[in-house]
C-alpha atoms as a PDB file:
ATOM      1  CA  UNK A   1       0.000   0.000   0.000  1.00  0.00           C
ATOM      2  CA  UNK A   2       2.989   2.295   0.454  1.00  0.00           C
ATOM      3  CA  UNK A   3       3.544   2.398  -3.295  1.00  0.00           C
ATOM      4  CA  UNK A   4       0.100   3.899  -3.897  1.00  0.00           C
ATOM      5  CA  UNK A   5       0.514   6.794  -1.485  1.00  0.00           C
ATOM      6  CA  UNK A   6       1.369  10.311  -2.547  1.00  0.00           C
ATOM      7  CA  UNK A   7       4.973  11.375  -2.706  1.00  0.00           C
ATOM      8  CA  UNK A   8       5.971  13.649   0.145  1.00  0.00           C
ATOM      9  CA  UNK A   9       8.242  16.665  -0.074  1.00  0.00           C
ATOM     10  CA  UNK A  10      10.907  14.856   2.007  1.00  0.00           C
ATOM     11  CA  UNK A  11      10.991  11.968  -0.466  1.00  0.00           C
ATOM     12  CA  UNK A  12      11.307  14.387  -3.397  1.00  0.00           C
ATOM     13  CA  UNK A  13      14.205  16.100  -1.633  1.00  0.00           C
ATOM     14  CA  UNK A  14      15.910  12.714  -1.153  1.00  0.00           C
ATOM     15  CA  UNK A  15      15.526  11.898  -4.845  1.00  0.00           C
ATOM     16  CA  UNK A  16      16.915  15.294  -5.891  1.00  0.00           C
ATOM     17  CA  UNK A  17      19.906  14.893  -3.605  1.00  0.00           C
ATOM     18  CA  UNK A  18      20.533  11.367  -4.903  1.00  0.00           C
ATOM     19  CA  UNK A  19      20.418  12.454  -8.547  1.00  0.00           C
ATOM     20  CA  UNK A  20      22.679  15.421  -7.825  1.00  0.00           C
ATOM     21  CA  UNK A  21      25.273  13.129  -6.230  1.00  0.00           C
ATOM     22  CA  UNK A  22      24.990   9.891  -8.229  1.00  0.00           C
ATOM     23  CA  UNK A  23      23.046  10.818 -11.378  1.00  0.00           C
ATOM     24  CA  UNK A  24      19.686   9.484 -12.632  1.00  0.00           C
ATOM     25  CA  UNK A  25      20.581   5.780 -12.523  1.00  0.00           C
ATOM     26  CA  UNK A  26      20.644   2.741 -10.214  1.00  0.00           C
ATOM     27  CA  UNK A  27      17.359   3.658  -8.566  1.00  0.00           C
ATOM     28  CA  UNK A  28      17.362   0.466  -6.511  1.00  0.00           C
ATOM     29  CA  UNK A  29      20.298   1.816  -4.471  1.00  0.00           C
ATOM     30  CA  UNK A  30      18.654   5.058  -3.317  1.00  0.00           C
ATOM     31  CA  UNK A  31      17.924   3.885   0.230  1.00  0.00           C
ATOM     32  CA  UNK A  32      21.337   2.257   0.607  1.00  0.00           C
ATOM     33  CA  UNK A  33      23.398   5.169  -0.677  1.00  0.00           C
ATOM     34  CA  UNK A  34      21.384   7.928   1.036  1.00  0.00           C
ATOM     35  CA  UNK A  35      21.097   6.001   4.349  1.00  0.00           C
ATOM     36  CA  UNK A  36      17.345   6.534   4.547  1.00  0.00           C
ATOM     37  CA  UNK A  37      14.382   4.213   4.605  1.00  0.00           C
ATOM     38  CA  UNK A  38      12.789   5.228   1.318  1.00  0.00           C
ATOM     39  CA  UNK A  39      10.045   2.656   0.811  1.00  0.00           C
ATOM     40  CA  UNK A  40       9.764   3.122  -2.940  1.00  0.00           C
ATOM     41  CA  UNK A  41      10.799   0.681  -5.637  1.00  0.00           C
ATOM     42  CA  UNK A  42      13.126   1.534  -8.506  1.00  0.00           C
ATOM     43  CA  UNK A  43      10.325   1.932 -11.060  1.00  0.00           C
ATOM     44  CA  UNK A  44       8.418   4.363  -8.843  1.00  0.00           C
ATOM     45  CA  UNK A  45      11.564   6.453  -8.279  1.00  0.00           C
ATOM     46  CA  UNK A  46      12.287   6.517 -12.011  1.00  0.00           C
ATOM     47  CA  UNK A  47       8.717   7.577 -12.904  1.00  0.00           C
ATOM     48  CA  UNK A  48       8.719  10.252 -10.208  1.00  0.00           C
ATOM     49  CA  UNK A  49      11.972  11.713 -11.468  1.00  0.00           C
ATOM     50  CA  UNK A  50      11.136  11.456 -15.162  1.00  0.00           C
ATOM     51  CA  UNK A  51       7.591  12.848 -14.960  1.00  0.00           C
ATOM     52  CA  UNK A  52       7.745  15.363 -12.096  1.00  0.00           C
ATOM     53  CA  UNK A  53      11.187  16.198 -10.663  1.00  0.00           C
ATOM     54  CA  UNK A  54      13.388  16.336 -13.735  1.00  0.00           C
ATOM     55  CA  UNK A  55      14.589  19.893 -14.460  1.00  0.00           C
ATOM     56  CA  UNK A  56      12.919  21.495 -17.463  1.00  0.00           C
ATOM     57  CA  UNK A  57       9.550  19.757 -17.062  1.00  0.00           C
ATOM     58  CA  UNK A  58       6.652  22.205 -17.373  1.00  0.00           C
ATOM     59  CA  UNK A  59       3.814  21.989 -14.905  1.00  0.00           C
ATOM     60  CA  UNK A  60       0.238  23.112 -15.334  1.00  0.00           C
ATOM     61  CA  UNK A  61      -2.100  23.109 -18.321  1.00  0.00           C
ATOM     62  CA  UNK A  62      -0.891  23.055 -21.907  1.00  0.00           C
ATOM     63  CA  UNK A  63      -0.799  26.388 -23.707  1.00  0.00           C
ATOM     64  CA  UNK A  64      -2.831  26.933 -26.872  1.00  0.00           C
ATOM     65  CA  UNK A  65       0.290  26.663 -29.012  1.00  0.00           C
ATOM     66  CA  UNK A  66       1.233  23.365 -27.323  1.00  0.00           C
ATOM     67  CA  UNK A  67      -2.315  22.051 -27.820  1.00  0.00           C
ATOM     68  CA  UNK A  68      -2.219  22.877 -31.527  1.00  0.00           C
ATOM     69  CA  UNK A  69       1.194  21.257 -31.838  1.00  0.00           C
ATOM     70  CA  UNK A  70       0.023  18.085 -30.048  1.00  0.00           C
ATOM     71  CA  UNK A  71      -3.075  17.833 -32.289  1.00  0.00           C
ATOM     72  CA  UNK A  72      -0.914  18.147 -35.396  1.00  0.00           C
ATOM     73  CA  UNK A  73       1.679  15.632 -34.173  1.00  0.00           C
ATOM     74  CA  UNK A  74      -1.024  13.158 -33.111  1.00  0.00           C
ATOM     75  CA  UNK A  75      -2.569  13.292 -36.581  1.00  0.00           C
ATOM     76  CA  UNK A  76       0.924  12.726 -37.991  1.00  0.00           C
ATOM     77  CA  UNK A  77       2.352  10.037 -35.640  1.00  0.00           C
ATOM     78  CA  UNK A  78      -0.757   8.580 -34.013  1.00  0.00           C
ATOM     79  CA  UNK A  79      -0.586   7.692 -30.296  1.00  0.00           C
ATOM     80  CA  UNK A  80       3.198   7.417 -30.204  1.00  0.00           C
ATOM     81  CA  UNK A  81       3.498   9.744 -27.232  1.00  0.00           C
ATOM     82  CA  UNK A  82       7.212   9.256 -26.634  1.00  0.00           C
ATOM     83  CA  UNK A  83       7.901  10.386 -30.178  1.00  0.00           C
ATOM     84  CA  UNK A  84       5.483  13.296 -29.774  1.00  0.00           C
ATOM     85  CA  UNK A  85       6.968  14.289 -26.397  1.00  0.00           C
ATOM     86  CA  UNK A  86      10.393  14.508 -28.034  1.00  0.00           C
ATOM     87  CA  UNK A  87       9.042  17.350 -30.213  1.00  0.00           C
ATOM     88  CA  UNK A  88       7.167  19.144 -27.403  1.00  0.00           C
ATOM     89  CA  UNK A  89       9.805  20.527 -25.025  1.00  0.00           C
ATOM     90  CA  UNK A  90       9.049  20.365 -21.333  1.00  0.00           C
ATOM     91  CA  UNK A  91       6.167  17.867 -21.605  1.00  0.00           C
ATOM     92  CA  UNK A  92       6.301  14.160 -20.839  1.00  0.00           C
ATOM     93  CA  UNK A  93       4.655  11.385 -22.807  1.00  0.00           C
ATOM     94  CA  UNK A  94       2.411  10.549 -19.858  1.00  0.00           C
ATOM     95  CA  UNK A  95       1.184  14.140 -19.541  1.00  0.00           C
ATOM     96  CA  UNK A  96       0.476  14.461 -23.272  1.00  0.00           C
ATOM     97  CA  UNK A  97      -1.370  11.131 -23.352  1.00  0.00           C
ATOM     98  CA  UNK A  98      -3.643  12.161 -20.482  1.00  0.00           C
ATOM     99  CA  UNK A  99      -4.374  15.527 -22.104  1.00  0.00           C
ATOM    100  CA  UNK A 100      -5.255  13.838 -25.396  1.00  0.00           C
ATOM    101  CA  UNK A 101      -7.709  11.460 -23.717  1.00  0.00           C
ATOM    102  CA  UNK A 102      -9.496  14.360 -21.980  1.00  0.00           C
ATOM    103  CA  UNK A 103      -9.547  16.387 -25.217  1.00  0.00           C
ATOM    104  CA  UNK A 104     -10.956  13.448 -27.211  1.00  0.00           C
ATOM    105  CA  UNK A 105     -13.690  12.762 -24.628  1.00  0.00           C
ATOM    106  CA  UNK A 106     -14.678  16.440 -24.672  1.00  0.00           C
ATOM    107  CA  UNK A 107     -14.930  16.492 -28.482  1.00  0.00           C
ATOM    108  CA  UNK A 108     -16.998  13.287 -28.522  1.00  0.00           C
ATOM    109  CA  UNK A 109     -19.322  14.672 -25.849  1.00  0.00           C
ATOM    110  CA  UNK A 110     -19.888  17.893 -27.810  1.00  0.00           C
ATOM    111  CA  UNK A 111     -20.545  15.895 -30.987  1.00  0.00           C
ATOM    112  CA  UNK A 112     -23.079  13.673 -29.181  1.00  0.00           C
ATOM    113  CA  UNK A 113     -24.861  16.726 -27.790  1.00  0.00           C
ATOM    114  CA  UNK A 114     -25.097  18.314 -31.231  1.00  0.00           C
ATOM    115  CA  UNK A 115     -26.401  15.042 -32.739  1.00  0.00           C
ATOM    116  CA  UNK A 116     -28.887  14.696 -29.899  1.00  0.00           C
ATOM    117  CA  UNK A 117     -30.269  18.166 -30.511  1.00  0.00           C
ATOM    118  CA  UNK A 118     -30.533  17.548 -34.259  1.00  0.00           C
ATOM    119  CA  UNK A 119     -32.286  14.178 -33.786  1.00  0.00           C
ATOM    120  CA  UNK A 120     -34.776  15.339 -31.108  1.00  0.00           C
ATOM    121  CA  UNK A 121     -38.297  14.791 -32.521  1.00  0.00           C
ATOM    122  CA  UNK A 122     -40.880  17.523 -32.200  1.00  0.00           C
ATOM    123  CA  UNK A 123     -43.564  16.557 -29.724  1.00  0.00           C
ATOM    124  CA  UNK A 124     -46.971  16.265 -31.395  1.00  0.00           C
ATOM    125  CA  UNK A 125     -49.472  18.764 -30.065  1.00  0.00           C
ATOM    126  CA  UNK A 126     -46.781  20.844 -28.369  1.00  0.00           C
ATOM    127  CA  UNK A 127     -48.050  24.089 -29.907  1.00  0.00           C
ATOM    128  CA  UNK A 128     -51.669  23.140 -30.504  1.00  0.00           C
ATOM    129  CA  UNK A 129     -52.945  24.844 -27.352  1.00  0.00           C
ATOM    130  CA  UNK A 130     -51.088  28.055 -28.236  1.00  0.00           C
ATOM    131  CA  UNK A 131     -52.509  27.994 -31.746  1.00  0.00           C
ATOM    132  CA  UNK A 132     -56.029  27.301 -30.481  1.00  0.00           C
ATOM    133  CA  UNK A 133     -55.913  30.248 -28.088  1.00  0.00           C
ATOM    134  CA  UNK A 134     -54.512  32.402 -30.876  1.00  0.00           C
ATOM    135  CA  UNK A 135     -57.305  31.261 -33.180  1.00  0.00           C
ATOM    136  CA  UNK A 136     -59.954  32.020 -30.552  1.00  0.00           C
ATOM    137  CA  UNK A 137     -58.560  35.513 -30.067  1.00  0.00           C
ATOM    138  CA  UNK A 138     -58.487  35.995 -33.832  1.00  0.00           C
ATOM    139  CA  UNK A 139     -62.119  34.947 -34.152  1.00  0.00           C
ATOM    140  CA  UNK A 140     -63.219  37.197 -31.297  1.00  0.00           C
ATOM    141  CA  UNK A 141     -61.379  40.179 -32.712  1.00  0.00           C
ATOM    142  CA  UNK A 142     -62.634  39.688 -36.299  1.00  0.00           C
ATOM    143  CA  UNK A 143     -66.358  40.596 -36.905  1.00  0.00           C
ATOM    144  CA  UNK A 144     -68.537  38.015 -38.559  1.00  0.00           C
ATOM    145  CA  UNK A 145     -70.573  40.385 -40.773  1.00  0.00           C
ATOM    146  CA  UNK A 146     -67.762  41.406 -43.134  1.00  0.00           C
ATOM    147  CA  UNK A 147     -66.834  37.744 -43.625  1.00  0.00           C
ATOM    148  CA  UNK A 148     -70.392  36.836 -44.406  1.00  0.00           C
ATOM    149  CA  UNK A 149     -70.921  39.795 -46.726  1.00  0.00           C
ATOM    150  CA  UNK A 150     -67.619  39.249 -48.510  1.00  0.00           C
ATOM    151  CA  UNK A 151     -68.202  35.537 -49.015  1.00  0.00           C
ATOM    152  CA  UNK A 152     -69.061  34.661 -52.637  1.00  0.00           C
ATOM    153  CA  UNK A 153     -71.184  31.745 -51.411  1.00  0.00           C
ATOM    154  CA  UNK A 154     -73.807  33.937 -49.705  1.00  0.00           C
ATOM    155  CA  UNK A 155     -77.198  34.416 -51.335  1.00  0.00           C
ATOM    156  CA  UNK A 156     -77.840  37.724 -53.106  1.00  0.00           C
ATOM    157  CA  UNK A 157     -80.237  39.057 -50.469  1.00  0.00           C
ATOM    158  CA  UNK A 158     -77.539  38.628 -47.731  1.00  0.00           C
ATOM    159  CA  UNK A 159     -74.578  39.858 -49.778  1.00  0.00           C
ATOM    160  CA  UNK A 160     -76.432  43.001 -50.900  1.00  0.00           C
ATOM    161  CA  UNK A 161     -74.606  46.231 -50.127  1.00  0.00           C
ATOM    162  CA  UNK A 162     -77.866  47.855 -48.992  1.00  0.00           C
ATOM    163  CA  UNK A 163     -78.337  45.342 -46.188  1.00  0.00           C
ATOM    164  CA  UNK A 164     -76.186  46.563 -43.283  1.00  0.00           C
ATOM    165  CA  UNK A 165     -77.943  44.744 -40.516  1.00  0.00           C
ATOM    166  CA  UNK A 166     -76.192  42.122 -38.465  1.00  0.00           C
ATOM    167  CA  UNK A 167     -76.918  38.369 -38.835  1.00  0.00           C
ATOM    168  CA  UNK A 168     -78.932  38.392 -35.637  1.00  0.00           C
ATOM    169  CA  UNK A 169     -81.174  41.154 -37.023  1.00  0.00           C
ATOM    170  CA  UNK A 170     -81.558  39.340 -40.337  1.00  0.00           C
ATOM    171  CA  UNK A 171     -82.543  36.183 -38.518  1.00  0.00           C
ATOM    172  CA  UNK A 172     -85.131  38.068 -36.454  1.00  0.00           C
ATOM    173  CA  UNK A 173     -86.885  39.414 -39.537  1.00  0.00           C
ATOM    174  CA  UNK A 174     -89.925  37.538 -40.791  1.00  0.00           C
ATOM    175  CA  UNK A 175     -90.106  36.344 -44.416  1.00  0.00           C
ATOM    176  CA  UNK A 176     -92.853  38.841 -45.150  1.00  0.00           C
ATOM    177  CA  UNK A 177     -90.603  41.817 -44.508  1.00  0.00           C
ATOM    178  CA  UNK A 178     -87.875  40.614 -46.872  1.00  0.00           C
ATOM    179  CA  UNK A 179     -87.908  41.027 -50.625  1.00  0.00           C
ATOM    180  CA  UNK A 180     -88.127  37.895 -52.616  1.00  0.00           C
ATOM    181  CA  UNK A 181     -84.747  36.594 -53.727  1.00  0.00           C
ATOM    182  CA  UNK A 182     -84.221  34.589 -56.860  1.00  0.00           C
ATOM    183  CA  UNK A 183     -83.853  30.864 -56.198  1.00  0.00           C
ATOM    184  CA  UNK A 184     -80.281  29.545 -56.077  1.00  0.00           C
ATOM    185  CA  UNK A 185     -79.657  26.156 -57.602  1.00  0.00           C
ATOM    186  CA  UNK A 186     -77.033  25.086 -55.025  1.00  0.00           C
ATOM    187  CA  UNK A 187     -79.377  25.447 -52.050  1.00  0.00           C
ATOM    188  CA  UNK A 188     -81.536  22.419 -51.349  1.00  0.00           C
ATOM    189  CA  UNK A 189     -84.713  23.522 -49.574  1.00  0.00           C
ATOM    190  CA  UNK A 190     -85.787  21.064 -46.941  1.00  0.00           C
ATOM    191  CA  UNK A 191     -89.340  20.633 -45.833  1.00  0.00           C
ATOM    192  CA  UNK A 192     -90.357  23.106 -43.126  1.00  0.00           C
ATOM    193  CA  UNK A 193     -87.070  25.170 -43.319  1.00  0.00           C
ATOM    194  CA  UNK A 194     -87.053  28.698 -44.841  1.00  0.00           C
ATOM    195  CA  UNK A 195     -84.708  29.358 -47.728  1.00  0.00           C
ATOM    196  CA  UNK A 196     -82.977  32.368 -46.131  1.00  0.00           C
ATOM    197  CA  UNK A 197     -82.165  30.430 -42.944  1.00  0.00           C
ATOM    198  CA  UNK A 198     -80.572  27.600 -44.939  1.00  0.00           C
ATOM    199  CA  UNK A 199     -78.443  30.088 -46.904  1.00  0.00           C
ATOM    200  CA  UNK A 200     -77.191  31.752 -43.735  1.00  0.00           C
ATOM    201  CA  UNK A 201     -76.373  28.411 -42.092  1.00  0.00           C
ATOM    202  CA  UNK A 202     -74.506  27.221 -45.168  1.00  0.00           C
ATOM    203  CA  UNK A 203     -72.572  30.468 -45.354  1.00  0.00           C
ATOM    204  CA  UNK A 204     -71.578  30.199 -41.702  1.00  0.00           C
ATOM    205  CA  UNK A 205     -70.496  26.577 -42.207  1.00  0.00           C
ATOM    206  CA  UNK A 206     -68.397  27.610 -45.200  1.00  0.00           C
ATOM    207  CA  UNK A 207     -66.747  30.361 -43.166  1.00  0.00           C
ATOM    208  CA  UNK A 208     -66.102  27.925 -40.305  1.00  0.00           C
ATOM    209  CA  UNK A 209     -64.588  25.387 -42.700  1.00  0.00           C
ATOM    210  CA  UNK A 210     -62.369  28.037 -44.250  1.00  0.00           C
ATOM    211  CA  UNK A 211     -61.242  29.162 -40.791  1.00  0.00           C
ATOM    212  CA  UNK A 212     -60.488  25.559 -39.793  1.00  0.00           C
ATOM    213  CA  UNK A 213     -58.460  25.099 -42.967  1.00  0.00           C
ATOM    214  CA  UNK A 214     -56.621  28.332 -42.200  1.00  0.00           C
ATOM    215  CA  UNK A 215     -55.867  27.159 -38.657  1.00  0.00           C
ATOM    216  CA  UNK A 216     -54.637  23.803 -39.957  1.00  0.00           C
ATOM    217  CA  UNK A 217     -52.334  25.503 -42.406  1.00  0.00           C
ATOM    218  CA  UNK A 218     -51.116  27.802 -39.628  1.00  0.00           C
ATOM    219  CA  UNK A 219     -50.360  24.813 -37.363  1.00  0.00           C
ATOM    220  CA  UNK A 220     -48.513  23.024 -40.153  1.00  0.00           C
ATOM    221  CA  UNK A 221     -46.547  26.168 -40.961  1.00  0.00           C
ATOM    222  CA  UNK A 222     -45.537  26.586 -37.319  1.00  0.00           C
ATOM    223  CA  UNK A 223     -44.401  22.982 -37.154  1.00  0.00           C
ATOM    224  CA  UNK A 224     -42.351  23.378 -40.284  1.00  0.00           C
ATOM    225  CA  UNK A 225     -40.807  26.557 -38.863  1.00  0.00           C
ATOM    226  CA  UNK A 226     -39.935  24.764 -35.614  1.00  0.00           C
ATOM    227  CA  UNK A 227     -38.392  21.839 -37.486  1.00  0.00           C
ATOM    228  CA  UNK A 228     -36.406  24.230 -39.632  1.00  0.00           C
ATOM    229  CA  UNK A 229     -35.253  26.129 -36.553  1.00  0.00           C
ATOM    230  CA  UNK A 230     -34.117  22.946 -34.789  1.00  0.00           C
ATOM    231  CA  UNK A 231     -32.273  21.803 -37.938  1.00  0.00           C
ATOM    232  CA  UNK A 232     -30.643  25.235 -38.226  1.00  0.00           C
ATOM    233  CA  UNK A 233     -29.540  25.158 -34.562  1.00  0.00           C
ATOM    234  CA  UNK A 234     -27.998  21.695 -34.932  1.00  0.00           C
ATOM    235  CA  UNK A 235     -26.342  22.668 -38.182  1.00  0.00           C
ATOM    236  CA  UNK A 236     -24.981  25.828 -36.576  1.00  0.00           C
ATOM    237  CA  UNK A 237     -23.514  23.891 -33.641  1.00  0.00           C
ATOM    238  CA  UNK A 238     -21.984  21.270 -35.917  1.00  0.00           C
ATOM    239  CA  UNK A 239     -20.570  23.981 -38.189  1.00  0.00           C
ATOM    240  CA  UNK A 240     -19.112  25.815 -35.169  1.00  0.00           C
ATOM    241  CA  UNK A 241     -17.532  22.583 -33.914  1.00  0.00           C
ATOM    242  CA  UNK A 242     -16.081  21.802 -37.341  1.00  0.00           C
ATOM    243  CA  UNK A 243     -14.833  25.370 -37.676  1.00  0.00           C
ATOM    244  CA  UNK A 244     -13.132  25.092 -34.303  1.00  0.00           C
ATOM    245  CA  UNK A 245     -11.440  21.857 -35.357  1.00  0.00           C
ATOM    246  CA  UNK A 246     -10.300  23.450 -38.615  1.00  0.00           C
ATOM    247  CA  UNK A 247      -8.949  26.470 -36.729  1.00  0.00           C
ATOM    248  CA  UNK A 248      -7.065  24.186 -34.344  1.00  0.00           C
ATOM    249  CA  UNK A 249      -5.635  22.248 -37.265  1.00  0.00           C
ATOM    250  CA  UNK A 250      -4.630  25.449 -39.034  1.00  0.00           C
ATOM    251  CA  UNK A 251      -3.013  26.786 -35.884  1.00  0.00           C
ATOM    252  CA  UNK A 252      -1.193  23.490 -35.378  1.00  0.00           C
ATOM    253  CA  UNK A 253      -0.028  23.595 -38.996  1.00  0.00           C
ATOM    254  CA  UNK A 254       1.232  27.140 -38.473  1.00  0.00           C
ATOM    255  CA  UNK A 255       2.981  26.171 -35.252  1.00  0.00           C
ATOM    256  CA  UNK A 256       4.547  23.132 -36.942  1.00  0.00           C
ATOM    257  CA  UNK A 257       5.723  25.190 -39.894  1.00  0.00           C
ATOM    258  CA  UNK A 258       7.077  27.848 -37.567  1.00  0.00           C
ATOM    259  CA  UNK A 259       8.923  25.159 -35.626  1.00  0.00           C
ATOM    260  CA  UNK A 260      10.280  23.638 -38.821  1.00  0.00           C
ATOM    261  CA  UNK A 261      11.410  27.089 -39.963  1.00  0.00           C
ATOM    262  CA  UNK A 262      13.131  27.706 -36.640  1.00  0.00           C
ATOM    263  CA  UNK A 263      14.810  24.297 -36.813  1.00  0.00           C
ATOM    264  CA  UNK A 264      15.949  25.037 -40.364  1.00  0.00           C
ATOM    265  CA  UNK A 265      17.396  28.385 -39.275  1.00  0.00           C
ATOM    266  CA  UNK A 266      19.087  26.756 -36.294  1.00  0.00           C
ATOM    267  CA  UNK A 267      20.568  24.054 -38.533  1.00  0.00           C
ATOM    268  CA  UNK A 268      21.909  26.734 -40.873  1.00  0.00           C
ATOM    269  CA  UNK A 269      23.384  28.610 -37.914  1.00  0.00           C
ATOM    270  CA  UNK A 270      25.032  25.383 -36.726  1.00  0.00           C
ATOM    271  CA  UNK A 271      26.450  24.789 -40.179  1.00  0.00           C
ATOM    272  CA  UNK A 272      27.812  28.331 -40.293  1.00  0.00           C
ATOM    273  CA  UNK A 273      29.361  27.876 -36.864  1.00  0.00           C
ATOM    274  CA  UNK A 274      30.928  24.604 -37.947  1.00  0.00           C
ATOM    275  CA  UNK A 275      32.280  26.266 -41.068  1.00  0.00           C
ATOM    276  CA  UNK A 276      33.602  29.117 -38.944  1.00  0.00           C
ATOM    277  CA  UNK A 277      35.210  26.646 -36.573  1.00  0.00           C
ATOM    278  CA  UNK A 278      36.833  24.752 -39.450  1.00  0.00           C
ATOM    279  CA  UNK A 279      38.081  28.028 -40.936  1.00  0.00           C
ATOM    280  CA  UNK A 280      39.581  29.056 -37.599  1.00  0.00           C
ATOM    281  CA  UNK A 281      41.230  25.672 -37.208  1.00  0.00           C
ATOM    282  CA  UNK A 282      42.644  25.926 -40.720  1.00  0.00           C
ATOM    283  CA  UNK A 283      43.972  29.433 -40.060  1.00  0.00           C
ATOM    284  CA  UNK A 284      45.453  28.278 -36.767  1.00  0.00           C
ATOM    285  CA  UNK A 285      47.154  25.347 -38.496  1.00  0.00           C
ATOM    286  CA  UNK A 286      48.605  27.666 -41.145  1.00  0.00           C
ATOM    287  CA  UNK A 287      49.853  30.010 -38.435  1.00  0.00           C
ATOM    288  CA  UNK A 288      51.485  27.123 -36.609  1.00  0.00           C
ATOM    289  CA  UNK A 289      53.159  25.969 -39.821  1.00  0.00           C
ATOM    290  CA  UNK A 290      54.471  29.476 -40.496  1.00  0.00           C
ATOM    291  CA  UNK A 291      55.656  29.697 -36.908  1.00  0.00           C
ATOM    292  CA  UNK A 292      57.504  26.399 -37.263  1.00  0.00           C
ATOM    293  CA  UNK A 293      59.127  27.619 -40.467  1.00  0.00           C
ATOM    294  CA  UNK A 294      60.223  30.839 -38.766  1.00  0.00           C
ATOM    295  CA  UNK A 295      61.479  28.847 -35.789  1.00  0.00           C
ATOM    296  CA  UNK A 296      63.488  26.515 -38.023  1.00  0.00           C
ATOM    297  CA  UNK A 297      64.949  29.488 -39.882  1.00  0.00           C
ATOM    298  CA  UNK A 298      65.853  31.131 -36.583  1.00  0.00           C
ATOM    299  CA  UNK A 299      67.454  27.935 -35.312  1.00  0.00           C
ATOM    300  CA  UNK A 300      69.485  27.514 -38.505  1.00  0.00           C
ATOM    301  CA  UNK A 301      70.644  31.128 -38.371  1.00  0.00           C
ATOM    302  CA  UNK A 302      71.483  30.729 -34.702  1.00  0.00           C
ATOM    303  CA  UNK A 303      73.492  27.593 -35.498  1.00  0.00           C
ATOM    304  CA  UNK A 304      75.391  29.359 -38.262  1.00  0.00           C
ATOM    305  CA  UNK A 305      76.141  32.299 -35.963  1.00  0.00           C
ATOM    306  CA  UNK A 306      77.324  29.897 -33.275  1.00  0.00           C
ATOM    307  CA  UNK A 307      79.620  28.134 -35.772  1.00  0.00           C
ATOM    308  CA  UNK A 308      80.942  31.472 -36.987  1.00  0.00           C
ATOM    309  CA  UNK A 309      81.497  32.644 -33.450  1.00  0.00           C
ATOM    310  CA  UNK A 310      83.331  29.422 -32.544  1.00  0.00           C
ATOM    311  CA  UNK A 311      85.507  29.744 -35.647  1.00  0.00           C
ATOM    312  CA  UNK A 312      86.396  33.324 -34.785  1.00  0.00           C
ATOM    313  CA  UNK A 313      87.025  32.329 -31.189  1.00  0.00           C
ATOM    314  CA  UNK A 314      89.381  29.551 -32.305  1.00  0.00           C
ATOM    315  CA  UNK A 315      91.228  31.936 -34.594  1.00  0.00           C
ATOM    316  CA  UNK A 316      91.528  34.503 -31.823  1.00  0.00           C
ATOM    317  CA  UNK A 317      92.777  31.870 -29.391  1.00  0.00           C
ATOM    318  CA  UNK A 318      95.350  30.719 -31.933  1.00  0.00           C
ATOM    319  CA  UNK A 319      96.475  34.307 -32.467  1.00  0.00           C
ATOM    320  CA  UNK A 320      96.825  34.822 -28.744  1.00  0.00           C
ATOM    321  CA  UNK A 321      98.907  31.646 -28.356  1.00  0.00           C
ATOM    322  CA  UNK A 322     101.176  32.688 -31.167  1.00  0.00           C
ATOM    323  CA  UNK A 323     101.729  36.071 -29.576  1.00  0.00           C
ATOM    324  CA  UNK A 324     102.518  34.587 -26.215  1.00  0.00           C
ATOM    325  CA  UNK A 325     104.922  32.054 -27.817  1.00  0.00           C
ATOM    326  CA  UNK A 326     107.113  34.765 -29.323  1.00  0.00           C
ATOM    327  CA  UNK A 327     107.597  36.408 -25.972  1.00  0.00           C
END
């Protein structure tokens, strides 16, 4: 159970001191060399150093540029996180793999939500009550007389412009007070029912039927509008998600190209430095050769001067001996 516990600050300090003294190797000898009871195995010490304590490792969330770079590298190399981590400085393979899993789950969740919204069926009768109340208000606000007088199906005596009385007044009039109207062929007179009453009833039924047809068309139109709105919302969300993915890919492409450009410039700088180094070495070698030539010339001249001096010294010594011999 000790292996599953969190690392303490004292244990991290022991690992740092061990690496500073012995280097990042032979992790099984940490307790022995540091004279402490560190109850961690070699693998745990290695993972702790490699993923958390190693100098240069960045902590915290990935920046936007790092995210774009990881997305581009993952599309290029797949889930080879060690290879990807080698191109993302300061981030370990374990950290990048965890971030990718969270990012992928988030994208899948957003895609499912957008598909769920687009596939949600419209509940039947959801707006029927609203439309019915709207229709009732429309009927109450609209007078019946203009509809009846404007209807082409009304009999001539009711559609006459001189008759301005309401339907209730027309119904209260007796047949003797009304002028005789020419018979209409489309009205079937039943036994015991006056002709004017049948015409008014038929006209009202026609108006009611036309209003019902209008309400049906209005309901259907509202449903079509709602379906179109839901489809537009889902399409907008999907388009926004796709646009975000494209922007991330473009940013990752830009970051990758920028990195490649920087690497190319750095390689050229290294080549120039190598050329400069070779040129300096060549110049130094030429200088040493010239120095050796000058030194050899100086030594030969010095030898000749020494021989000349010795010859003159011998001649002078001989002259001195001769002069002393005569005396």
